[in-house]
Amino acid sequence: MYSSTLLQYCLNTYQQFGPSRFTDLLSISHIINGTYESFSQIILTLKYYHPKPQTKQLFIDILDSME
């Protein structure tokens, strides 16, 4: 449902470049998901070796959101 809506948006907004814009956005989404997965693995490793690390508040917020 979301991808078909995104495709329609790209076709309406970018006309002839709509299909390529759609694939570009999907590629970016794939990269973001891969980065998130890698970051999750790093966080798990960090939690294993340092259960109570000294961290900045932003990092603590990220850790809490991943639990």
Protein backbone atom coordinates (compact mmCIF):
# COMPACT_ATOMS: atom_id res chain seq x y z
CA MET A 1 0.00 0.00 0.00
CA TYR A 2 2.75 2.49 0.95
CA SER A 3 4.95 1.71 -2.00
CA SER A 4 2.11 2.13 -4.49
CA THR A 5 1.23 5.48 -2.88
CA LEU A 6 4.88 6.55 -3.05
CA LEU A 7 5.04 5.49 -6.69
CA GLN A 8 1.93 7.52 -7.53
CA TYR A 9 3.39 10.53 -5.74
CA CYS A 10 6.66 10.22 -7.67
CA LEU A 11 4.84 9.86 -10.99
CA ASN A 12 2.65 12.89 -10.29
CA THR A 13 5.46 15.06 -8.95
CA TYR A 14 8.37 14.09 -11.22
CA GLN A 15 6.44 12.96 -14.35
CA GLN A 16 8.97 11.22 -16.65
CA PHE A 17 11.55 10.92 -13.86
CA GLY A 18 9.02 9.43 -11.44
CA PRO A 19 10.07 5.78 -11.83
CA SER A 20 13.76 6.56 -11.30
CA ARG A 21 12.95 8.78 -8.32
CA PHE A 22 10.86 5.96 -6.85
CA THR A 23 13.74 3.47 -7.13
CA ASP A 24 16.14 6.05 -5.66
CA LEU A 25 13.92 6.44 -2.62
CA LEU A 26 13.63 2.67 -2.20
CA SER A 27 17.41 2.36 -2.39
CA ILE A 28 17.87 4.98 0.31
CA SER A 29 15.34 3.17 2.48
CA HIS A 30 17.30 -0.07 2.09
CA ILE A 31 20.54 1.68 3.10
CA ILE A 32 18.91 3.28 6.14
CA ASN A 33 17.55 -0.09 7.28
CA GLY A 34 20.96 -1.72 6.87
CA THR A 35 22.61 1.06 8.85
CA TYR A 36 20.04 0.69 11.61
CA GLU A 37 20.69 -3.06 11.79
CA SER A 38 24.45 -2.48 11.99
CA PHE A 39 23.97 0.11 14.69
CA SER A 40 21.78 -2.31 16.63
CA GLN A 41 24.56 -4.90 16.59
CA ILE A 42 27.06 -2.33 17.85
CA ILE A 43 24.71 -1.33 20.66
CA LEU A 44 24.22 -4.96 21.70
CA THR A 45 27.98 -5.52 21.77
CA LEU A 46 28.51 -2.35 23.76
CA LYS A 47 25.86 -3.37 26.29
CA TYR A 48 27.52 -6.77 26.68
CA TYR A 49 30.98 -5.37 27.42
CA HIS A 50 29.86 -2.23 29.27
CA PRO A 51 26.51 -2.81 30.99
CA LYS A 52 26.55 0.68 32.56
CA PRO A 53 28.54 2.89 30.16
CA GLN A 54 29.22 6.57 30.79
CA THR A 55 27.33 8.14 27.88
CA LYS A 56 25.74 11.36 26.69
CA GLN A 57 21.97 11.78 26.98
CA LEU A 58 21.39 11.43 23.22
CA PHE A 59 23.15 8.09 23.21
CA ILE A 60 21.11 6.96 26.22
CA ASP A 61 17.90 7.92 24.40
CA ILE A 62 18.97 5.86 21.39
CA LEU A 63 19.80 2.88 23.58
CA ASP A 64 16.43 3.09 25.32
CA SER A 65 14.54 3.32 22.05
CA MET A 66 16.16 0.11 20.79
CA GLU A 67 15.01 -1.99 23.73
